[in-house]
N, C-alpha and C. Protein backbone atom coordinates (compact mmCIF):
# COMPACT_ATOMS: atom_id res chain seq x y z
N UNK A 1 12.56 -20.01 -84.35
CA UNK A 1 11.53 -20.00 -83.36
C UNK A 1 12.17 -20.05 -82.00
N UNK A 2 11.69 -19.16 -81.17
CA UNK A 2 12.23 -19.08 -79.82
C UNK A 2 11.50 -20.06 -78.93
N UNK A 3 12.26 -20.64 -78.10
CA UNK A 3 11.62 -21.55 -77.14
C UNK A 3 11.84 -21.03 -75.72
N UNK A 4 10.86 -21.19 -74.94
CA UNK A 4 10.95 -20.77 -73.54
C UNK A 4 11.09 -22.02 -72.70
N UNK A 5 11.97 -21.90 -71.77
CA UNK A 5 12.18 -23.05 -70.91
C UNK A 5 11.59 -22.74 -69.54
N UNK A 6 10.78 -23.57 -69.08
CA UNK A 6 10.16 -23.42 -67.77
C UNK A 6 10.82 -24.38 -66.80
N UNK A 7 11.15 -23.85 -65.63
CA UNK A 7 11.72 -24.71 -64.60
C UNK A 7 10.64 -24.91 -63.55
N UNK A 8 10.37 -26.08 -63.27
CA UNK A 8 9.38 -26.35 -62.25
C UNK A 8 10.04 -27.15 -61.14
N UNK A 9 9.67 -26.84 -59.95
CA UNK A 9 10.21 -27.56 -58.80
C UNK A 9 9.30 -28.73 -58.52
N UNK A 10 9.88 -29.84 -58.34
CA UNK A 10 9.04 -30.95 -57.96
C UNK A 10 8.50 -30.73 -56.56
N UNK A 11 7.43 -31.35 -56.23
CA UNK A 11 6.84 -31.15 -54.91
C UNK A 11 7.84 -31.39 -53.79
N UNK A 12 8.76 -32.30 -53.95
CA UNK A 12 9.75 -32.56 -52.90
C UNK A 12 10.63 -31.34 -52.71
N UNK A 13 10.93 -30.60 -53.78
CA UNK A 13 11.77 -29.40 -53.66
C UNK A 13 11.07 -28.32 -52.85
N UNK A 14 9.80 -28.10 -53.06
CA UNK A 14 9.03 -27.11 -52.31
C UNK A 14 8.95 -27.53 -50.85
N UNK A 15 8.72 -28.79 -50.64
CA UNK A 15 8.64 -29.31 -49.27
C UNK A 15 9.97 -29.13 -48.57
N UNK A 16 11.07 -29.38 -49.27
CA UNK A 16 12.40 -29.21 -48.68
C UNK A 16 12.66 -27.77 -48.28
N UNK A 17 12.31 -26.82 -49.18
CA UNK A 17 12.47 -25.40 -48.88
C UNK A 17 11.61 -25.02 -47.67
N UNK A 18 10.39 -25.52 -47.63
CA UNK A 18 9.49 -25.24 -46.51
C UNK A 18 10.09 -25.75 -45.19
N UNK A 19 10.60 -26.98 -45.21
CA UNK A 19 11.21 -27.54 -43.99
C UNK A 19 12.46 -26.78 -43.60
N UNK A 20 13.23 -26.30 -44.57
CA UNK A 20 14.43 -25.52 -44.27
C UNK A 20 14.05 -24.21 -43.58
N UNK A 21 13.03 -23.54 -44.09
CA UNK A 21 12.57 -22.29 -43.47
C UNK A 21 12.04 -22.56 -42.06
N UNK A 22 11.26 -23.62 -41.90
CA UNK A 22 10.72 -23.96 -40.57
C UNK A 22 11.83 -24.28 -39.59
N UNK A 23 12.85 -24.99 -40.05
CA UNK A 23 13.98 -25.34 -39.18
C UNK A 23 14.71 -24.09 -38.71
N UNK A 24 14.94 -23.17 -39.64
CA UNK A 24 15.61 -21.91 -39.28
C UNK A 24 14.75 -21.14 -38.28
N UNK A 25 13.47 -21.08 -38.59
CA UNK A 25 12.54 -20.35 -37.70
C UNK A 25 12.51 -20.99 -36.32
N UNK A 26 12.36 -22.29 -36.25
CA UNK A 26 12.28 -22.98 -34.97
C UNK A 26 13.58 -22.92 -34.20
N UNK A 27 14.72 -22.99 -34.90
CA UNK A 27 15.99 -22.89 -34.18
C UNK A 27 16.17 -21.50 -33.61
N UNK A 28 15.68 -20.48 -34.32
CA UNK A 28 15.74 -19.11 -33.79
C UNK A 28 14.85 -19.00 -32.57
N UNK A 29 13.68 -19.60 -32.62
CA UNK A 29 12.78 -19.57 -31.46
C UNK A 29 13.36 -20.37 -30.32
N UNK A 30 14.00 -21.47 -30.65
CA UNK A 30 14.58 -22.30 -29.60
C UNK A 30 15.65 -21.54 -28.84
N UNK A 31 16.47 -20.78 -29.55
CA UNK A 31 17.50 -19.99 -28.88
C UNK A 31 16.85 -18.94 -27.98
N UNK A 32 15.81 -18.29 -28.47
CA UNK A 32 15.13 -17.30 -27.65
C UNK A 32 14.50 -17.94 -26.43
N UNK A 33 13.91 -19.11 -26.60
CA UNK A 33 13.32 -19.80 -25.46
C UNK A 33 14.38 -20.17 -24.44
N UNK A 34 15.56 -20.57 -24.92
CA UNK A 34 16.65 -20.90 -23.99
C UNK A 34 17.07 -19.66 -23.20
N UNK A 35 17.15 -18.52 -23.90
CA UNK A 35 17.49 -17.27 -23.21
C UNK A 35 16.44 -16.92 -22.17
N UNK A 36 15.17 -17.08 -22.54
CA UNK A 36 14.07 -16.79 -21.61
C UNK A 36 14.15 -17.71 -20.41
N UNK A 37 14.42 -19.00 -20.66
CA UNK A 37 14.52 -19.95 -19.55
C UNK A 37 15.66 -19.59 -18.61
N UNK A 38 16.79 -19.16 -19.17
CA UNK A 38 17.93 -18.77 -18.33
C UNK A 38 17.60 -17.54 -17.50
N UNK A 39 16.94 -16.60 -18.12
CA UNK A 39 16.58 -15.37 -17.40
C UNK A 39 15.56 -15.67 -16.31
N UNK A 40 14.55 -16.47 -16.65
CA UNK A 40 13.53 -16.76 -15.65
C UNK A 40 14.04 -17.67 -14.55
N UNK A 41 15.10 -18.45 -14.82
CA UNK A 41 15.67 -19.30 -13.79
C UNK A 41 16.34 -18.47 -12.70
N UNK A 42 16.81 -17.29 -13.09
CA UNK A 42 17.41 -16.40 -12.09
C UNK A 42 16.30 -15.78 -11.27
N UNK A 43 16.43 -15.86 -9.98
CA UNK A 43 15.40 -15.31 -9.10
C UNK A 43 15.53 -13.80 -9.04
N UNK A 44 14.39 -13.16 -9.12
CA UNK A 44 14.36 -11.72 -8.97
C UNK A 44 14.42 -11.42 -7.48
N UNK A 45 15.48 -10.78 -7.07
CA UNK A 45 15.63 -10.51 -5.64
C UNK A 45 15.55 -9.02 -5.38
N UNK A 46 14.82 -8.68 -4.36
CA UNK A 46 14.68 -7.31 -3.93
C UNK A 46 15.34 -7.21 -2.56
N UNK A 47 16.29 -6.30 -2.40
CA UNK A 47 16.92 -6.17 -1.09
C UNK A 47 15.89 -5.76 -0.03
N UNK A 48 15.84 -6.51 1.05
CA UNK A 48 14.88 -6.22 2.12
C UNK A 48 15.56 -6.44 3.47
N UNK A 49 15.34 -5.50 4.36
CA UNK A 49 15.78 -5.64 5.75
C UNK A 49 14.57 -6.06 6.56
N UNK A 50 14.72 -7.12 7.34
CA UNK A 50 13.62 -7.61 8.16
C UNK A 50 13.99 -7.48 9.63
N UNK A 51 13.10 -6.87 10.39
CA UNK A 51 13.30 -6.72 11.83
C UNK A 51 12.07 -7.25 12.54
N UNK A 52 12.28 -7.85 13.69
CA UNK A 52 11.21 -8.42 14.49
C UNK A 52 11.10 -7.65 15.81
N UNK A 53 9.87 -7.40 16.25
CA UNK A 53 9.63 -6.72 17.52
C UNK A 53 10.21 -5.32 17.56
N UNK A 54 9.72 -4.45 16.69
CA UNK A 54 10.29 -3.11 16.52
C UNK A 54 9.48 -2.06 17.29
N UNK A 55 10.19 -1.19 17.99
CA UNK A 55 9.61 0.01 18.59
C UNK A 55 10.46 1.18 18.12
N UNK A 56 9.84 2.14 17.43
CA UNK A 56 10.56 3.31 16.92
C UNK A 56 9.97 4.57 17.53
N UNK A 57 10.85 5.49 17.89
CA UNK A 57 10.42 6.79 18.40
C UNK A 57 10.68 7.85 17.34
N UNK A 58 9.70 8.75 17.15
CA UNK A 58 9.84 9.88 16.23
C UNK A 58 9.87 11.14 17.09
N UNK A 59 10.95 11.91 16.91
CA UNK A 59 11.07 13.11 17.73
C UNK A 59 11.31 14.33 16.86
N UNK A 60 11.02 15.49 17.46
CA UNK A 60 11.25 16.76 16.80
C UNK A 60 11.65 17.76 17.87
N UNK A 61 12.77 18.41 17.70
CA UNK A 61 13.28 19.40 18.65
C UNK A 61 13.41 18.82 20.06
N UNK A 62 13.82 17.58 20.16
CA UNK A 62 14.03 16.95 21.45
C UNK A 62 12.78 16.37 22.10
N UNK A 63 11.62 16.52 21.46
CA UNK A 63 10.37 15.99 22.01
C UNK A 63 9.93 14.77 21.21
N UNK A 64 9.53 13.73 21.92
CA UNK A 64 8.99 12.55 21.26
C UNK A 64 7.60 12.91 20.75
N UNK A 65 7.41 12.79 19.45
CA UNK A 65 6.12 13.11 18.84
C UNK A 65 5.25 11.87 18.68
N UNK A 66 5.91 10.71 18.43
CA UNK A 66 5.15 9.49 18.19
C UNK A 66 6.02 8.27 18.49
N UNK A 67 5.34 7.18 18.79
CA UNK A 67 6.01 5.90 18.99
C UNK A 67 5.27 4.86 18.15
N UNK A 68 6.04 4.10 17.36
CA UNK A 68 5.47 3.07 16.52
C UNK A 68 5.92 1.70 17.03
N UNK A 69 4.96 0.78 17.15
CA UNK A 69 5.25 -0.57 17.62
C UNK A 69 4.70 -1.55 16.59
N UNK A 70 5.56 -2.48 16.13
CA UNK A 70 5.12 -3.49 15.16
C UNK A 70 5.88 -4.79 15.41
N UNK A 71 5.20 -5.93 15.27
CA UNK A 71 5.89 -7.21 15.46
C UNK A 71 6.84 -7.57 14.32
N UNK A 72 6.59 -7.04 13.11
CA UNK A 72 7.46 -7.34 11.98
C UNK A 72 7.57 -6.12 11.09
N UNK A 73 8.80 -5.77 10.74
CA UNK A 73 9.11 -4.55 9.98
C UNK A 73 9.96 -4.96 8.78
N UNK A 74 9.40 -4.79 7.57
CA UNK A 74 10.11 -5.15 6.35
C UNK A 74 10.41 -3.89 5.55
N UNK A 75 11.70 -3.61 5.35
CA UNK A 75 12.11 -2.41 4.63
C UNK A 75 12.65 -2.83 3.27
N UNK A 76 11.88 -2.52 2.20
CA UNK A 76 12.23 -2.88 0.84
C UNK A 76 13.02 -1.73 0.21
N UNK A 77 14.21 -2.06 -0.29
CA UNK A 77 15.09 -1.04 -0.87
C UNK A 77 15.05 -1.14 -2.39
N UNK A 78 14.02 -0.54 -2.97
CA UNK A 78 13.82 -0.54 -4.41
C UNK A 78 13.97 0.89 -4.92
N UNK A 79 13.65 1.10 -6.21
CA UNK A 79 13.67 2.46 -6.75
C UNK A 79 12.69 3.36 -6.00
N UNK A 80 11.57 2.75 -5.58
CA UNK A 80 10.58 3.46 -4.76
C UNK A 80 10.50 2.72 -3.43
N UNK A 81 11.41 3.03 -2.51
CA UNK A 81 11.48 2.25 -1.25
C UNK A 81 10.20 2.35 -0.43
N UNK A 82 9.91 1.25 0.27
CA UNK A 82 8.72 1.23 1.12
C UNK A 82 8.96 0.31 2.31
N UNK A 83 8.15 0.52 3.33
CA UNK A 83 8.20 -0.29 4.54
C UNK A 83 6.85 -0.97 4.68
N UNK A 84 6.87 -2.26 4.94
CA UNK A 84 5.64 -3.01 5.06
C UNK A 84 5.56 -3.63 6.45
N UNK A 85 4.40 -3.52 7.06
CA UNK A 85 4.14 -4.11 8.38
C UNK A 85 2.94 -5.03 8.23
N UNK A 86 3.22 -6.27 7.83
CA UNK A 86 2.17 -7.23 7.50
C UNK A 86 1.43 -7.75 8.71
N UNK A 87 2.06 -7.67 9.88
CA UNK A 87 1.45 -8.22 11.09
C UNK A 87 0.85 -7.15 11.98
N UNK A 88 0.64 -5.98 11.41
CA UNK A 88 -0.02 -4.91 12.15
C UNK A 88 0.93 -3.89 12.73
N UNK A 89 0.33 -2.80 13.20
CA UNK A 89 1.11 -1.70 13.76
C UNK A 89 0.25 -0.91 14.74
N UNK A 90 0.91 -0.34 15.73
CA UNK A 90 0.28 0.62 16.65
C UNK A 90 1.14 1.87 16.66
N UNK A 91 0.51 3.03 16.47
CA UNK A 91 1.22 4.31 16.52
C UNK A 91 0.57 5.16 17.60
N UNK A 92 1.40 5.64 18.54
CA UNK A 92 0.92 6.48 19.64
C UNK A 92 1.50 7.88 19.44
N UNK A 93 0.63 8.89 19.42
CA UNK A 93 1.06 10.28 19.26
C UNK A 93 1.06 10.98 20.62
N UNK A 94 2.05 11.87 20.81
CA UNK A 94 2.21 12.58 22.08
C UNK A 94 2.22 14.09 21.85
N UNK A 95 1.80 14.83 22.90
CA UNK A 95 1.90 16.29 22.85
C UNK A 95 3.26 16.70 23.43
N UNK A 96 3.49 18.01 23.58
CA UNK A 96 4.79 18.49 24.06
C UNK A 96 5.06 18.14 25.52
N UNK A 97 4.01 17.81 26.30
CA UNK A 97 4.19 17.37 27.69
C UNK A 97 4.32 15.84 27.79
N UNK A 98 4.48 15.19 26.62
CA UNK A 98 4.62 13.74 26.54
C UNK A 98 3.38 12.98 27.00
N UNK A 99 2.22 13.62 26.85
CA UNK A 99 0.94 12.97 27.14
C UNK A 99 0.37 12.41 25.83
N UNK A 100 -0.19 11.23 25.91
CA UNK A 100 -0.76 10.60 24.72
C UNK A 100 -1.98 11.39 24.25
N UNK A 101 -1.99 11.73 22.95
CA UNK A 101 -3.12 12.45 22.38
C UNK A 101 -4.01 11.55 21.53
N UNK A 102 -3.40 10.57 20.87
CA UNK A 102 -4.18 9.63 20.06
C UNK A 102 -3.38 8.35 19.85
N UNK A 103 -4.13 7.30 19.52
CA UNK A 103 -3.52 5.99 19.28
C UNK A 103 -4.19 5.38 18.04
N UNK A 104 -3.37 4.92 17.10
CA UNK A 104 -3.85 4.35 15.85
C UNK A 104 -3.37 2.90 15.79
N UNK A 105 -4.29 2.00 15.44
CA UNK A 105 -3.94 0.58 15.35
C UNK A 105 -4.55 0.01 14.07
N UNK A 106 -3.81 -0.87 13.39
CA UNK A 106 -4.34 -1.55 12.20
C UNK A 106 -3.68 -2.91 12.05
N UNK A 107 -4.32 -3.79 11.27
CA UNK A 107 -3.78 -5.13 11.04
C UNK A 107 -2.69 -5.16 9.98
N UNK A 108 -2.60 -4.11 9.17
CA UNK A 108 -1.61 -4.04 8.10
C UNK A 108 -1.28 -2.58 7.83
N UNK A 109 -0.02 -2.32 7.47
CA UNK A 109 0.38 -0.96 7.11
C UNK A 109 1.52 -1.00 6.11
N UNK A 110 1.55 0.01 5.24
CA UNK A 110 2.65 0.18 4.31
C UNK A 110 2.99 1.66 4.25
N UNK A 111 4.29 1.95 4.37
CA UNK A 111 4.75 3.34 4.32
C UNK A 111 5.55 3.54 3.04
N UNK A 112 5.09 4.47 2.22
CA UNK A 112 5.77 4.79 0.98
C UNK A 112 6.71 5.96 1.28
N UNK A 113 8.00 5.66 1.29
CA UNK A 113 8.99 6.62 1.78
C UNK A 113 9.07 7.89 0.95
N UNK A 114 9.10 7.77 -0.37
CA UNK A 114 9.22 8.97 -1.22
C UNK A 114 8.01 9.88 -1.11
N UNK A 115 6.82 9.28 -0.98
CA UNK A 115 5.59 10.06 -0.92
C UNK A 115 5.25 10.53 0.49
N UNK A 116 5.92 9.97 1.50
CA UNK A 116 5.64 10.29 2.91
C UNK A 116 4.18 10.00 3.26
N UNK A 117 3.70 8.84 2.78
CA UNK A 117 2.33 8.40 3.06
C UNK A 117 2.36 7.04 3.73
N UNK A 118 1.49 6.86 4.73
CA UNK A 118 1.34 5.58 5.39
C UNK A 118 -0.10 5.13 5.16
N UNK A 119 -0.26 3.95 4.56
CA UNK A 119 -1.59 3.38 4.33
C UNK A 119 -1.86 2.34 5.41
N UNK A 120 -2.86 2.59 6.23
CA UNK A 120 -3.27 1.66 7.28
C UNK A 120 -4.50 0.93 6.77
N UNK A 121 -4.48 -0.41 6.85
CA UNK A 121 -5.59 -1.17 6.29
C UNK A 121 -6.02 -2.28 7.23
N UNK A 122 -7.28 -2.67 7.11
CA UNK A 122 -7.90 -3.76 7.84
C UNK A 122 -7.99 -3.46 9.34
N UNK A 123 -9.20 -3.34 9.80
CA UNK A 123 -9.49 -3.12 11.23
C UNK A 123 -8.71 -1.93 11.81
N UNK A 124 -8.82 -0.80 11.14
CA UNK A 124 -8.15 0.40 11.63
C UNK A 124 -9.00 1.01 12.74
N UNK A 125 -8.37 1.21 13.91
CA UNK A 125 -9.07 1.78 15.07
C UNK A 125 -8.21 2.91 15.62
N UNK A 126 -8.85 4.06 15.83
CA UNK A 126 -8.16 5.23 16.38
C UNK A 126 -8.92 5.68 17.61
N UNK A 127 -8.19 6.00 18.67
CA UNK A 127 -8.80 6.61 19.86
C UNK A 127 -8.08 7.93 20.13
N UNK A 128 -8.84 8.91 20.63
CA UNK A 128 -8.21 10.19 20.98
C UNK A 128 -8.43 10.47 22.47
N UNK A 129 -7.84 11.55 22.95
CA UNK A 129 -7.89 11.85 24.38
C UNK A 129 -9.28 12.26 24.86
N UNK A 130 -10.19 12.56 23.95
CA UNK A 130 -11.57 12.90 24.34
C UNK A 130 -12.45 11.66 24.45
N UNK A 131 -11.86 10.48 24.21
CA UNK A 131 -12.62 9.25 24.33
C UNK A 131 -13.38 8.86 23.08
N UNK A 132 -13.13 9.51 21.98
CA UNK A 132 -13.78 9.16 20.72
C UNK A 132 -13.04 8.00 20.06
N UNK A 133 -13.80 7.15 19.36
CA UNK A 133 -13.21 6.01 18.65
C UNK A 133 -13.59 6.11 17.18
N UNK A 134 -12.60 6.05 16.33
CA UNK A 134 -12.76 6.11 14.88
C UNK A 134 -12.43 4.72 14.33
N UNK A 135 -13.29 4.19 13.46
CA UNK A 135 -13.05 2.87 12.86
C UNK A 135 -13.24 2.95 11.36
N UNK A 136 -12.38 2.22 10.64
CA UNK A 136 -12.48 2.15 9.19
C UNK A 136 -11.67 0.95 8.70
N UNK A 137 -11.81 0.62 7.44
CA UNK A 137 -11.00 -0.43 6.84
C UNK A 137 -9.77 0.15 6.16
N UNK A 138 -9.72 1.48 6.04
CA UNK A 138 -8.55 2.12 5.44
C UNK A 138 -8.44 3.55 5.95
N UNK A 139 -7.22 3.91 6.30
CA UNK A 139 -6.93 5.26 6.75
C UNK A 139 -5.54 5.59 6.24
N UNK A 140 -5.37 6.76 5.67
CA UNK A 140 -4.08 7.15 5.11
C UNK A 140 -3.56 8.34 5.90
N UNK A 141 -2.29 8.25 6.28
CA UNK A 141 -1.63 9.30 7.04
C UNK A 141 -0.67 10.03 6.12
N UNK A 142 -0.93 11.31 5.91
CA UNK A 142 -0.04 12.17 5.14
C UNK A 142 0.92 12.82 6.14
N UNK A 143 2.14 12.32 6.18
CA UNK A 143 3.12 12.81 7.16
C UNK A 143 3.47 14.27 6.94
N UNK A 144 3.52 14.69 5.69
CA UNK A 144 3.89 16.07 5.38
C UNK A 144 2.86 17.07 5.91
N UNK A 145 1.58 16.76 5.72
CA UNK A 145 0.50 17.65 6.17
C UNK A 145 0.10 17.39 7.62
N UNK A 146 0.52 16.27 8.19
CA UNK A 146 0.10 15.94 9.56
C UNK A 146 -1.39 15.65 9.65
N UNK A 147 -1.91 14.97 8.62
CA UNK A 147 -3.35 14.68 8.54
C UNK A 147 -3.60 13.22 8.21
N UNK A 148 -4.73 12.74 8.69
CA UNK A 148 -5.25 11.43 8.30
C UNK A 148 -6.44 11.67 7.39
N UNK A 149 -6.64 10.78 6.42
CA UNK A 149 -7.84 10.88 5.58
C UNK A 149 -8.26 9.50 5.10
N UNK A 150 -9.51 9.41 4.68
CA UNK A 150 -10.07 8.17 4.16
C UNK A 150 -11.21 8.50 3.21
N UNK A 151 -11.32 7.69 2.16
CA UNK A 151 -12.44 7.83 1.22
C UNK A 151 -13.40 6.66 1.33
N UNK A 152 -13.19 5.80 2.31
CA UNK A 152 -14.10 4.68 2.56
C UNK A 152 -14.89 4.97 3.83
N UNK A 153 -15.83 4.12 4.15
CA UNK A 153 -16.72 4.32 5.29
C UNK A 153 -15.93 4.43 6.59
N UNK A 154 -16.27 5.44 7.38
CA UNK A 154 -15.66 5.67 8.69
C UNK A 154 -16.79 5.77 9.71
N UNK A 155 -16.59 5.15 10.87
CA UNK A 155 -17.56 5.34 11.97
C UNK A 155 -16.85 6.03 13.12
N UNK A 156 -17.57 6.94 13.76
CA UNK A 156 -17.03 7.70 14.89
C UNK A 156 -18.00 7.52 16.05
N UNK A 157 -17.49 6.96 17.14
CA UNK A 157 -18.31 6.73 18.33
C UNK A 157 -17.84 7.68 19.43
N UNK A 158 -18.81 8.40 20.01
CA UNK A 158 -18.50 9.37 21.06
C UNK A 158 -19.68 9.45 22.01
N UNK A 159 -19.48 9.19 23.27
CA UNK A 159 -20.52 9.29 24.31
C UNK A 159 -21.80 8.57 23.90
N UNK A 160 -21.65 7.37 23.38
CA UNK A 160 -22.81 6.57 23.00
C UNK A 160 -23.41 6.90 21.65
N UNK A 161 -22.96 7.93 21.01
CA UNK A 161 -23.44 8.30 19.68
C UNK A 161 -22.49 7.75 18.62
N UNK A 162 -23.07 7.30 17.51
CA UNK A 162 -22.24 6.81 16.41
C UNK A 162 -22.61 7.54 15.14
N UNK A 163 -21.59 8.02 14.46
CA UNK A 163 -21.73 8.77 13.22
C UNK A 163 -20.99 8.01 12.13
N UNK A 164 -21.60 7.89 10.94
CA UNK A 164 -20.99 7.22 9.81
C UNK A 164 -20.84 8.20 8.67
N UNK A 165 -19.83 8.01 7.85
CA UNK A 165 -19.67 8.88 6.69
C UNK A 165 -18.48 8.51 5.84
N UNK A 166 -18.38 9.19 4.71
CA UNK A 166 -17.26 9.01 3.78
C UNK A 166 -16.50 10.31 3.66
N UNK A 167 -15.41 10.29 2.91
CA UNK A 167 -14.59 11.48 2.70
C UNK A 167 -14.25 12.15 4.03
N UNK A 168 -13.47 11.44 4.81
CA UNK A 168 -13.11 11.84 6.16
C UNK A 168 -11.68 12.36 6.17
N UNK A 169 -11.43 13.39 6.99
CA UNK A 169 -10.06 13.79 7.30
C UNK A 169 -10.00 14.29 8.73
N UNK A 170 -8.83 14.13 9.35
CA UNK A 170 -8.63 14.59 10.73
C UNK A 170 -7.19 15.06 10.90
N UNK A 171 -6.99 15.97 11.86
CA UNK A 171 -5.62 16.35 12.15
C UNK A 171 -4.94 15.19 12.89
N UNK A 172 -3.66 15.31 13.12
CA UNK A 172 -2.86 14.19 13.61
C UNK A 172 -3.29 13.67 14.98
N UNK A 173 -3.77 14.54 15.85
CA UNK A 173 -4.19 14.07 17.18
C UNK A 173 -5.69 13.78 17.26
N UNK A 174 -6.39 13.90 16.12
CA UNK A 174 -7.82 13.62 16.03
C UNK A 174 -8.65 14.52 16.94
N UNK A 175 -8.15 15.70 17.27
CA UNK A 175 -8.94 16.65 18.04
C UNK A 175 -9.91 17.42 17.15
N UNK A 176 -9.62 17.47 15.85
CA UNK A 176 -10.51 18.10 14.89
C UNK A 176 -10.64 17.17 13.69
N UNK A 177 -11.87 17.02 13.19
CA UNK A 177 -12.08 16.18 12.01
C UNK A 177 -13.28 16.72 11.23
N UNK A 178 -13.32 16.34 9.97
CA UNK A 178 -14.45 16.64 9.10
C UNK A 178 -14.86 15.36 8.39
N UNK A 179 -16.17 15.21 8.21
CA UNK A 179 -16.70 14.02 7.55
C UNK A 179 -17.85 14.45 6.65
N UNK A 180 -17.91 13.89 5.45
CA UNK A 180 -18.97 14.22 4.51
C UNK A 180 -19.93 13.04 4.39
N UNK A 181 -21.10 13.32 3.88
CA UNK A 181 -22.15 12.31 3.70
C UNK A 181 -22.39 11.57 5.01
N UNK A 182 -22.51 12.33 6.08
CA UNK A 182 -22.64 11.76 7.42
C UNK A 182 -24.08 11.34 7.72
N UNK A 183 -24.19 10.29 8.51
CA UNK A 183 -25.49 9.84 9.01
C UNK A 183 -25.25 9.14 10.33
N UNK A 184 -26.30 9.04 11.13
CA UNK A 184 -26.17 8.34 12.41
C UNK A 184 -27.23 8.80 13.38
N UNK A 185 -27.21 8.18 14.56
CA UNK A 185 -28.14 8.54 15.62
C UNK A 185 -27.39 9.35 16.67
N UNK A 186 -27.94 10.52 16.97
CA UNK A 186 -27.33 11.39 17.96
C UNK A 186 -28.32 11.66 19.08
N UNK A 187 -27.85 11.52 20.29
CA UNK A 187 -28.66 11.86 21.47
C UNK A 187 -28.01 13.07 22.12
N UNK A 188 -28.69 14.22 22.07
CA UNK A 188 -28.13 15.44 22.61
C UNK A 188 -28.89 15.84 23.87
N UNK A 189 -28.14 16.34 24.84
CA UNK A 189 -28.77 16.88 26.05
C UNK A 189 -29.13 18.34 25.78
N UNK A 190 -29.83 18.97 26.73
CA UNK A 190 -30.19 20.37 26.55
C UNK A 190 -28.94 21.26 26.44
N UNK A 191 -27.87 20.89 27.16
CA UNK A 191 -26.64 21.70 27.12
C UNK A 191 -25.93 21.56 25.79
N UNK A 192 -26.11 20.42 25.12
CA UNK A 192 -25.43 20.18 23.84
C UNK A 192 -26.27 20.64 22.66
N UNK A 193 -27.46 21.11 22.87
CA UNK A 193 -28.39 21.43 21.78
C UNK A 193 -27.80 22.38 20.76
N UNK A 194 -28.57 22.51 19.71
CA UNK A 194 -28.14 23.35 18.60
C UNK A 194 -28.35 24.76 19.01
């Protein structure tokens, strides 16, 4: 007659194996946590150049095209470099006779160098040589196209008239602009009539 032998582990044996597995697991996690702590202890540093009281001139073919004035200029040197002006900026544009054609002011600006875009935000105010005032909370300057645009509410004040609208764009000196979904009160004289 054949006999079968059964081996059974006492409860302490199962508990011991369980604790051994948990210890291995926890020690592996502990090492990973130590690595994470070491990595997080190192500060992530981004190279930045900081300048105070900056005035920059932009010229083309010997003519000054624009002047930028900012109290603080932060140049971040990352994979996608950018310039941040947290304390506001004023940009003055000039014609070929060095006469001011328009002035743009905002409380905050960021220039994305690779994209050649400047985002002006918070209390953006633009004036042009015709005495018109443009206001918005956001205005984007496409340096390549020489255009400003905005998809948020813009108000345009001219000779006592105020026009509001969205989807706005203007050329660099704000002598020509287009606005969609416009509304406002206009007072026209007989000479200005349709």
